Each structure stands twice: as structure tokens, then as C-alpha cells.
């Protein structure tokens, strides 16, 4: 809409007639008229009726793409810049010709072609991403050329950039990223955990981005609304070493995916309906160091069979959690710390206390206490004896569950 038409429409709306001026309107423009004029002057269209859907641009022809590739080496900067933008917009259709221009056409063209492929490799279009990466990898295999070095540098940056974009999308859809997260009971250094739970709003297609997470070494699926089918997407993750599944309605067949996780070291299954039959799939994990089965349907004889079949530690419990850390494991131990929000904190157990009995059985050391707790499911209420200084007190405590 032109400036004159915008002015007429605004003036008509303000005065209520076809051009007559009412009172003080003869001498000043209202704020609404000024706003219309400013918008029109800036080139912004003001809709006056039903909005029409924008026309989709036609897909570029091969002749156009070839010309744009030629223009990457044009003398005029505006032609080179326009060609770069048009080739990025062309998507997968331009990748083959852009890839060919990486070699033998000079530094300017090679640099621009590399940047175009790098942009397309993180475009969100699966076809374009795969084709662009393949084009860079093809050039990188030449090794001895400047173009090969440039392609390899682009690939190195691409992994980091693609991971960040994937994390941005996953977190926007409800996943949670925890950095420097320390997983209880696991002797690891820095852990970067991605947690997917009941608040996840994405689709199966969105979860395909998990394969781009090169630095994430733990995935947690947590909640009854989690779809067991989501778990298959972890198979493509390159450096996954810890997998935790809690309160998810998985079955034994779900564990078949574990065999494809080459770097899996720790498995934690909490309150899931896995049975002894599913343990055969866990046996196929070659690098396992510890398997934690808390509140599952795995029996102690089933856990024993797994212990015989693998080198990894197998820790089976009925799933109750007290929430204390010991000063040491032997006799004369005391409580070093209490977990916030745990059953121990709710029962007002303190650091420095000693637990002398549990469920009417004397406690000699922390290992014995752990074994006694392991025989109870979450929600169990048991008597507990606590020594605080010179005083021994009796409490009844309702046990919680593991996180």
C-alpha cells in the first residue's frame, strides 16, 4: 500500500467521513494517523481486509543453481553475497553443485561453498543436513588440499554447532539439561545429563536430535507419561555411558536397545516392570560396570544369574531409600550427611547420629543397614533406633524412593 492510500484510509477512520475535517482535526494529525504514516513510510503493509497467504517461491531450476554457483566467484561482492544466500535458500537441491565448487575454484569460492554447506548441515531439514555433511566429508577425505583442511575444520565446528542447536530445541520442548550433575553411587567425573519426563512436548521426530549430542553422557527417562518407544532414539548417541529409567512402563523387549550402546557403563532401572527375562538383553552390553535394579520385578535368583553372566556389579533392591551417607562402612560409623527431602530428613535424623537398629534388628555397620533397607519397598514404615550422643531414641520412619 502506498503512502497516499495509507494516509487516506487513516484520515477517513479518524474523521468519519470521506475527507471532511472536523474541528481541530484541520490543524493536527492524531497519534493513530502518525502511526499509519510511519508504517507506510517504512514499507510495512497495513491489511485492510482478509489476509492472503503468501505465495511460496518456486523451487529454483538447475540452471539458476548453476548460475549462483558461478556467481560465488564473481568480481562484484553483491553478486557473491546474493549467490550465497540463494544457494542456502535452495537447500538440498544445491548441495551437489556447491560441493563440487569446493575444489579447484580458488579461495573465495571454496570458503563460501564451505560456509554454505555448514549452514545447510544445521538447517533442520534432515535431507539437507545429511547431504551437506556428506559433501563436506567427501572433500575432507582428500586430506592434502587446502579445501580438504577447510572442510575438516567445518566438520569439527559442525558437531558443536549441531549439538547446541539440538539442545536448544530439546529444552524448548521440555527436556532438561543438568551440567556437572553427580549421579549417586557412580564413581564418575563430570556428568552432563539430559532428562526427559512427563513434561516432554515433542514428537518422535524431535527425539532424533539425540544423535547429535556428542557431549551428553547420561540420559534419564522419568515418569509414567514417558512413551517406552522414545527410548530407541538413544541408540544413535555416540557417548552415552549412563542410562536411567524411572517409573516408565517399559517391558523386557525395551532392553533390546541396550546392546547397541557401545559405551554404556551404568544402567539404573527404578520402579519399572522389567522381569528376569529382560536380563538377557543386559548381558549383551560389553562395557557395563554396574547395573542397579531397584523396585523392579527381577528376583534375587534372577539377579544372581546376571552376576554370573557379566563382570559388572549387579545391585538389586526392593527400592526403599533412607537418605543418609556414612562416615565409613565399618563398625562405629555415624551419619556424615542427610539427603534433603529424604525420609531421614523428614524423620529429623541429623548428621552425627548413629543408627543402632532397623526394623527390630541390630545394626553393626553401614553395609548391614543397606542390606536391611534393600528388603523393603518405598512407602514401608519401620521402627528405627538412633543414638544421639548418650541418648538412644526410637522412631518410626516411612521410607522413600530413589531418584
Protein backbone atom coordinates (compact mmCIF):
# COMPACT_ATOMS: atom_id res chain seq x y z
CA UNK A 1 0.00 0.00 0.00
CA UNK A 2 1.35 3.44 -0.92
CA UNK A 3 1.79 6.37 1.41
CA UNK A 4 -1.09 8.32 -0.10
CA UNK A 5 -3.56 5.43 0.24
CA UNK A 6 -2.44 4.77 3.81
CA UNK A 7 -2.99 8.43 4.65
CA UNK A 8 -6.48 8.47 3.12
CA UNK A 9 -7.57 5.33 4.99
CA UNK A 10 -6.23 6.60 8.28
CA UNK A 11 -7.79 10.01 7.79
CA UNK A 12 -11.17 8.51 6.93
CA UNK A 13 -11.09 6.28 10.03
CA UNK A 14 -10.22 9.29 12.19
CA UNK A 15 -12.74 11.85 10.80
CA UNK A 16 -15.66 9.54 9.99
CA UNK A 17 -16.27 10.95 6.52
CA UNK A 18 -14.80 10.92 3.02
CA UNK A 19 -12.38 13.75 3.50
CA UNK A 20 -14.03 16.46 5.54
CA UNK A 21 -12.10 17.80 8.52
CA UNK A 22 -13.84 18.10 11.87
CA UNK A 23 -12.83 20.85 14.26
CA UNK A 24 -9.24 20.73 15.47
CA UNK A 25 -8.50 17.86 13.12
CA UNK A 26 -7.84 20.55 10.45
CA UNK A 27 -4.58 21.53 12.13
CA UNK A 28 -3.03 18.39 13.66
CA UNK A 29 -2.63 14.72 12.99
CA UNK A 30 -3.63 12.26 15.70
CA UNK A 31 -1.25 9.61 17.01
CA UNK A 32 -3.09 6.90 15.06
CA UNK A 33 -2.63 8.82 11.79
CA UNK A 34 1.02 9.37 12.55
CA UNK A 35 1.42 5.64 13.28
CA UNK A 36 -0.10 4.74 9.93
CA UNK A 37 2.15 7.21 8.14
CA UNK A 38 5.23 5.84 9.88
CA UNK A 39 4.33 2.27 8.99
CA UNK A 40 3.64 3.20 5.40
CA UNK A 41 6.86 5.18 5.15
CA UNK A 42 8.77 2.13 6.50
CA UNK A 43 7.23 -0.03 3.82
CA UNK A 44 5.04 -2.09 6.19
CA UNK A 45 1.76 -3.16 4.62
CA UNK A 46 -1.36 -2.38 6.64
CA UNK A 47 -4.02 -5.04 5.98
CA UNK A 48 -7.43 -3.66 5.05
CA UNK A 49 -9.26 -6.93 4.53
CA UNK A 50 -8.83 -10.69 4.83
CA UNK A 51 -5.16 -11.68 4.91
CA UNK A 52 -3.97 -13.59 1.87
CA UNK A 53 -1.50 -16.43 2.31
CA UNK A 54 1.92 -15.53 0.93
CA UNK A 55 2.90 -17.15 -2.32
CA UNK A 56 5.51 -19.83 -1.90
CA UNK A 57 8.58 -19.16 -4.01
CA UNK A 58 9.03 -21.62 -6.82
CA UNK A 59 11.84 -24.13 -6.44
CA UNK A 60 14.91 -22.91 -8.30
CA UNK A 61 15.82 -24.58 -11.56
CA UNK A 62 19.12 -26.34 -12.06
CA UNK A 63 20.15 -23.58 -14.46
CA UNK A 64 19.58 -21.00 -11.71
CA UNK A 65 21.57 -23.02 -9.21
CA UNK A 66 24.45 -23.38 -11.68
CA UNK A 67 24.46 -19.61 -12.22
CA UNK A 68 24.50 -18.93 -8.48
CA UNK A 69 27.43 -21.31 -8.05
CA UNK A 70 29.24 -19.43 -10.83
CA UNK A 71 28.44 -16.15 -9.08
CA UNK A 72 30.30 -17.32 -5.97
CA UNK A 73 33.44 -16.27 -7.84
CA UNK A 74 32.06 -13.05 -9.35
CA UNK A 75 34.10 -9.86 -9.20
CA UNK A 76 31.22 -7.92 -7.62
CA UNK A 77 30.72 -8.51 -3.90
CA UNK A 78 26.94 -8.10 -4.11
CA UNK A 79 26.71 -10.94 -6.63
CA UNK A 80 28.82 -13.25 -4.46
CA UNK A 81 26.80 -12.40 -1.36
CA UNK A 82 23.45 -12.80 -3.11
CA UNK A 83 24.53 -16.12 -4.59
CA UNK A 84 25.46 -17.45 -1.13
CA UNK A 85 22.06 -16.54 0.29
CA UNK A 86 20.19 -18.01 -2.67
CA UNK A 87 22.11 -21.29 -2.51
CA UNK A 88 21.37 -21.64 1.21
CA UNK A 89 17.70 -20.99 0.41
CA UNK A 90 17.75 -23.64 -2.32
CA UNK A 91 18.52 -26.31 0.29
CA UNK A 92 19.27 -29.90 -0.68
CA UNK A 93 18.90 -29.20 -4.40
CA UNK A 94 22.05 -27.06 -4.42
CA UNK A 95 24.34 -29.28 -2.36
CA UNK A 96 25.90 -31.40 -5.10
CA UNK A 97 26.99 -28.42 -7.20
CA UNK A 98 28.13 -26.45 -4.18
CA UNK A 99 30.19 -29.44 -3.04
CA UNK A 100 31.86 -29.66 -6.47
CA UNK A 101 32.82 -25.98 -6.26
CA UNK A 102 34.84 -26.61 -3.07
CA UNK A 103 37.84 -27.85 -5.05
CA UNK A 104 39.74 -26.06 -7.80
CA UNK A 105 37.94 -22.73 -7.91
CA UNK A 106 40.05 -20.58 -5.65
CA UNK A 107 40.00 -19.45 -2.03
CA UNK A 108 36.95 -17.16 -2.22
CA UNK A 109 34.69 -19.76 -3.81
CA UNK A 110 35.96 -22.57 -1.57
CA UNK A 111 35.39 -20.52 1.60
CA UNK A 112 31.89 -19.52 0.54
CA UNK A 113 30.97 -23.05 -0.53
CA UNK A 114 32.20 -24.42 2.81
CA UNK A 115 30.13 -21.86 4.72
CA UNK A 116 27.04 -22.71 2.64
CA UNK A 117 27.37 -26.43 3.31
CA UNK A 118 27.99 -25.81 7.01
CA UNK A 119 24.81 -23.73 7.20
CA UNK A 120 22.75 -26.34 5.37
CA UNK A 121 24.13 -29.08 7.64
CA UNK A 122 22.34 -27.46 10.60
CA UNK A 123 19.29 -26.18 8.74
CA UNK A 124 16.76 -28.50 10.40
CA UNK A 125 15.96 -30.15 7.06
CA UNK A 126 17.01 -33.79 7.58
CA UNK A 127 17.70 -34.42 3.87
CA UNK A 128 19.74 -31.24 3.51
CA UNK A 129 21.67 -31.86 6.73
CA UNK A 130 22.71 -35.37 5.70
CA UNK A 131 23.64 -34.38 2.15
CA UNK A 132 25.64 -31.31 3.24
CA UNK A 133 27.61 -33.28 5.80
CA UNK A 134 28.31 -36.00 3.23
CA UNK A 135 29.60 -33.36 0.79
CA UNK A 136 32.00 -31.96 3.40
CA UNK A 137 33.19 -35.44 4.36
CA UNK A 138 33.88 -36.27 0.72
CA UNK A 139 36.14 -33.25 0.33
CA UNK A 140 37.78 -33.84 3.72
CA UNK A 141 38.97 -37.27 2.59
CA UNK A 142 41.26 -35.60 0.03
CA UNK A 143 43.40 -34.64 3.07
CA UNK A 144 46.26 -32.90 1.28
CA UNK A 145 44.45 -29.90 -0.19
CA UNK A 146 43.51 -26.58 1.37
CA UNK A 147 39.89 -27.36 0.56
CA UNK A 148 40.15 -30.64 2.49
CA UNK A 149 41.53 -28.85 5.54
CA UNK A 150 38.79 -26.27 5.32
CA UNK A 151 36.13 -28.98 5.01
CA UNK A 152 37.51 -30.82 8.04
CA UNK A 153 37.50 -27.62 10.09
CA UNK A 154 33.88 -27.08 9.09
CA UNK A 155 33.01 -30.62 10.17
CA UNK A 156 34.68 -30.11 13.54
CA UNK A 157 32.72 -26.93 14.15
CA UNK A 158 29.59 -28.54 12.79
CA UNK A 159 29.43 -31.15 15.55
CA UNK A 160 29.48 -28.48 18.26
CA UNK A 161 27.06 -26.19 16.46
CA UNK A 162 24.65 -29.01 15.66
CA UNK A 163 24.71 -30.20 19.27
CA UNK A 164 23.89 -26.73 20.57
CA UNK A 165 21.00 -26.31 18.15
CA UNK A 166 19.68 -29.77 19.07
CA UNK A 167 19.89 -28.93 22.78
CA UNK A 168 18.08 -25.64 22.22
CA UNK A 169 15.19 -27.44 20.52
CA UNK A 170 15.04 -30.30 23.02
CA UNK A 171 14.99 -27.95 26.01
CA UNK A 172 12.35 -25.76 24.40
CA UNK A 173 10.19 -28.90 24.06
CA UNK A 174 10.51 -29.83 27.73
CA UNK A 175 13.79 -31.74 28.17
CA UNK A 176 16.10 -30.61 30.99
CA UNK A 177 19.89 -30.37 30.83
CA UNK A 178 21.92 -30.76 34.02
CA UNK A 179 25.62 -29.97 33.86
CA UNK A 180 28.13 -31.13 36.48
CA UNK A 181 25.44 -33.46 37.76
CA UNK A 182 26.74 -36.15 40.12
CA UNK A 183 24.85 -39.41 39.87
CA UNK A 184 24.53 -41.15 43.24
CA UNK A 185 26.62 -44.29 43.55
CA UNK A 186 28.60 -43.81 40.35
CA UNK A 187 32.34 -43.05 40.53
CA UNK A 188 32.45 -40.70 37.54
CA UNK A 189 33.75 -37.21 36.94
CA UNK A 190 31.71 -34.55 35.18
CA UNK A 191 28.31 -35.77 34.03
CA UNK A 192 26.10 -33.95 31.54
CA UNK A 193 22.58 -35.34 31.88
CA UNK A 194 19.57 -34.86 29.63
CA UNK A 195 16.31 -35.65 31.44
CA UNK A 196 13.10 -36.37 29.52
CA UNK A 197 9.98 -36.72 31.63
CA UNK A 198 6.27 -36.10 31.83
CA UNK A 199 6.68 -32.52 30.62
CA UNK A 200 8.06 -33.51 27.21
CA UNK A 201 6.02 -31.82 24.43
CA UNK A 202 7.91 -33.03 21.38
CA UNK A 203 7.47 -35.84 18.89
CA UNK A 204 9.43 -38.91 17.84
CA UNK A 205 10.96 -36.82 15.06
CA UNK A 206 12.21 -34.28 17.60
CA UNK A 207 13.91 -37.04 19.60
CA UNK A 208 16.01 -37.91 16.56
CA UNK A 209 18.13 -34.93 17.59
CA UNK A 210 19.54 -37.04 20.43
CA UNK A 211 22.08 -38.45 17.99
CA UNK A 212 23.73 -35.02 17.70
CA UNK A 213 24.52 -34.80 21.44
CA UNK A 214 28.23 -35.60 21.46
CA UNK A 215 28.90 -34.32 24.99
CA UNK A 216 25.85 -35.70 26.80
CA UNK A 217 26.87 -38.85 28.68
CA UNK A 218 23.69 -39.52 30.67
CA UNK A 219 20.05 -39.76 29.64
CA UNK A 220 17.23 -40.10 32.16
CA UNK A 221 13.66 -41.06 31.22
CA UNK A 222 11.47 -40.33 34.21
CA UNK A 223 7.69 -40.55 34.57
CA UNK A 224 4.61 -42.61 33.82
CA UNK A 225 3.75 -40.46 30.80
CA UNK A 226 7.02 -41.29 29.08
CA UNK A 227 6.44 -43.41 25.98
CA UNK A 228 8.70 -46.50 26.01
CA UNK A 229 9.15 -46.08 22.25
CA UNK A 230 11.15 -42.90 22.91
CA UNK A 231 13.98 -44.98 24.37
CA UNK A 232 15.02 -46.39 20.99
CA UNK A 233 16.36 -42.95 19.99
CA UNK A 234 19.27 -43.22 22.43
CA UNK A 235 20.85 -45.91 20.23
CA UNK A 236 22.42 -43.25 17.96
CA UNK A 237 24.00 -41.28 20.82
CA UNK A 238 27.79 -41.51 20.42
CA UNK A 239 28.98 -41.15 24.03
CA UNK A 240 26.13 -42.31 26.25
CA UNK A 241 27.60 -44.04 29.30
CA UNK A 242 24.77 -43.75 31.88
CA UNK A 243 21.12 -44.63 31.31
CA UNK A 244 18.48 -44.22 33.98
CA UNK A 245 14.83 -45.20 33.51
CA UNK A 246 12.39 -44.47 36.32
CA UNK A 247 8.63 -45.08 36.59
CA UNK A 248 8.33 -45.80 32.85
CA UNK A 249 6.06 -48.60 31.62
CA UNK A 250 8.76 -50.42 29.71
CA UNK A 251 8.85 -54.16 29.19
CA UNK A 252 11.62 -56.70 28.73
CA UNK A 253 11.71 -56.12 24.97
CA UNK A 254 12.63 -52.45 25.54
CA UNK A 255 16.00 -53.60 26.84
CA UNK A 256 16.97 -54.90 23.38
CA UNK A 257 18.19 -51.38 22.60
CA UNK A 258 20.89 -51.64 25.26
CA UNK A 259 23.01 -54.00 23.17
CA UNK A 260 23.56 -51.22 20.60
CA UNK A 261 25.03 -48.78 23.15
CA UNK A 262 28.74 -49.35 22.71
CA UNK A 263 29.81 -47.02 25.55
CA UNK A 264 27.14 -47.89 28.12
CA UNK A 265 28.73 -48.37 31.55
CA UNK A 266 25.94 -47.82 34.07
CA UNK A 267 22.29 -48.86 33.94
CA UNK A 268 19.81 -47.76 36.58
CA UNK A 269 16.28 -49.20 36.36
CA UNK A 270 13.97 -47.79 39.02
CA UNK A 271 10.40 -48.98 39.62
CA UNK A 272 9.91 -50.41 36.14
CA UNK A 273 8.14 -53.73 35.29
CA UNK A 274 11.26 -55.48 33.99
CA UNK A 275 11.49 -59.20 34.80
CA UNK A 276 14.21 -61.84 34.83
CA UNK A 277 13.58 -62.45 31.12
CA UNK A 278 14.81 -58.97 30.24
CA UNK A 279 18.21 -59.52 31.83
CA UNK A 280 19.40 -61.49 28.79
CA UNK A 281 19.49 -58.21 26.83
CA UNK A 282 21.58 -56.51 29.51
CA UNK A 283 24.16 -59.31 29.21
CA UNK A 284 24.94 -58.12 25.69
CA UNK A 285 26.32 -54.76 26.89
CA UNK A 286 30.09 -55.20 26.63
CA UNK A 287 31.35 -52.32 28.79
CA UNK A 288 28.96 -52.45 31.74
CA UNK A 289 30.40 -51.70 35.16
CA UNK A 290 27.26 -51.52 37.28
CA UNK A 291 23.58 -52.48 36.96
CA UNK A 292 21.12 -51.10 39.52
CA UNK A 293 17.74 -52.82 39.72
CA UNK A 294 15.59 -51.02 42.31
CA UNK A 295 11.90 -51.80 42.66
CA UNK A 296 11.71 -53.98 39.54
CA UNK A 297 10.17 -57.42 39.09
CA UNK A 298 13.61 -59.02 38.91
CA UNK A 299 14.03 -61.62 41.63
CA UNK A 300 17.16 -62.20 43.69
CA UNK A 301 17.80 -65.56 41.91
CA UNK A 302 17.48 -63.72 38.59
CA UNK A 303 19.99 -61.11 39.75
CA UNK A 304 22.36 -63.91 40.79
CA UNK A 305 22.20 -65.39 37.29
CA UNK A 306 23.08 -61.98 35.84
CA UNK A 307 26.03 -61.69 38.23
CA UNK A 308 27.38 -64.98 36.92
CA UNK A 309 26.97 -63.90 33.29
CA UNK A 310 28.67 -60.48 33.42
CA UNK A 311 31.68 -58.91 35.11
CA UNK A 312 29.73 -55.81 36.18
CA UNK A 313 28.37 -55.27 39.69
CA UNK A 314 24.66 -56.07 39.98
CA UNK A 315 22.80 -54.25 42.75
CA UNK A 316 19.23 -55.48 43.26
CA UNK A 317 16.93 -53.93 45.86
CA UNK A 318 13.20 -53.72 46.54
CA UNK A 319 13.56 -49.96 46.21
CA UNK A 320 13.29 -48.22 49.60
CA UNK A 321 15.51 -45.18 50.22
CA UNK A 322 16.50 -43.74 53.60
CA UNK A 323 18.71 -40.85 52.56
CA UNK A 324 21.92 -40.87 54.59
CA UNK A 325 25.65 -41.02 53.85
CA UNK A 326 28.02 -42.79 56.29
CA UNK A 327 31.32 -41.63 57.70
CA UNK A 328 32.73 -45.05 56.77
CA UNK A 329 31.45 -48.59 56.15
CA UNK A 330 32.87 -50.44 59.18
CA UNK A 331 31.76 -50.55 62.83
CA UNK A 332 31.36 -47.36 64.91
CA UNK A 333 30.20 -45.47 61.87
CA UNK A 334 27.98 -42.39 62.10
CA UNK A 335 25.87 -40.35 59.71
CA UNK A 336 28.00 -37.90 57.77
CA UNK A 337 25.18 -36.19 55.84
CA UNK A 338 21.42 -36.37 55.28
CA UNK A 339 19.81 -36.01 51.84
CA UNK A 340 17.48 -33.02 51.56
CA UNK A 341 13.82 -34.04 51.31
CA UNK A 342 14.55 -37.67 52.14
CA UNK A 343 12.83 -39.98 54.64
CA UNK A 344 15.76 -39.43 57.03
CA UNK A 345 15.35 -35.66 56.94
CA UNK A 346 11.59 -35.96 57.38
CA UNK A 347 12.22 -38.07 60.50
CA UNK A 348 14.60 -35.37 61.82
CA UNK A 349 17.65 -37.60 61.68
CA UNK A 350 20.83 -35.50 61.85
CA UNK A 351 24.45 -35.66 60.82
CA UNK A 352 26.40 -37.22 63.71
CA UNK A 353 23.60 -39.62 64.67
CA UNK A 354 24.20 -43.38 64.70
CA UNK A 355 21.57 -45.92 63.61
CA UNK A 356 21.76 -48.85 66.02
CA UNK A 357 18.69 -50.81 64.95
CA UNK A 358 16.44 -51.07 61.92
CA UNK A 359 13.15 -52.97 61.73
CA UNK A 360 13.86 -54.52 65.13
CA UNK A 361 17.28 -55.84 64.05
CA UNK A 362 20.60 -54.64 65.46
CA UNK A 363 22.82 -52.75 63.02
CA UNK A 364 26.55 -53.46 63.24
CA UNK A 365 27.76 -51.43 60.25
CA UNK A 366 26.51 -49.46 57.25
CA UNK A 367 26.66 -52.43 54.87
CA UNK A 368 24.27 -54.35 57.11
CA UNK A 369 21.92 -51.34 57.25
CA UNK A 370 21.97 -51.10 53.45
CA UNK A 371 21.03 -54.78 53.16
CA UNK A 372 18.13 -54.35 55.60
CA UNK A 373 16.76 -51.30 53.77
CA UNK A 374 17.07 -53.12 50.43
CA UNK A 375 14.46 -55.67 51.56
CA UNK A 376 11.72 -53.02 51.76
CA UNK A 377 9.74 -51.27 49.02
CA UNK A 378 9.13 -47.50 49.09
CA UNK A 379 6.37 -46.46 51.48
CA UNK A 380 7.27 -49.09 54.08
CA UNK A 381 7.08 -47.85 57.68
CA UNK A 382 9.63 -49.43 60.03
CA UNK A 383 10.92 -48.85 63.58
CA UNK A 384 14.44 -47.43 63.80
CA UNK A 385 16.80 -46.92 66.77
CA UNK A 386 19.03 -43.81 66.78
CA UNK A 387 21.86 -42.93 69.15
CA UNK A 388 22.42 -39.20 69.53
CA UNK A 389 25.21 -38.51 71.97
CA UNK A 390 24.44 -40.61 75.04
CA UNK A 391 20.75 -40.96 74.23
CA UNK A 392 19.08 -43.75 72.25
CA UNK A 393 15.68 -42.87 70.80
CA UNK A 394 13.11 -44.92 68.90
CA UNK A 395 11.35 -43.61 65.80
CA UNK A 396 9.03 -44.97 63.14
CA UNK A 397 10.10 -43.89 59.69
CA UNK A 398 8.36 -44.13 56.30
CA UNK A 399 10.94 -44.97 53.66
CA UNK A 400 11.09 -43.06 50.37
CA UNK A 401 12.27 -43.96 46.88
CA UNK A 402 15.43 -43.47 44.88
CA UNK A 403 15.79 -40.64 42.41
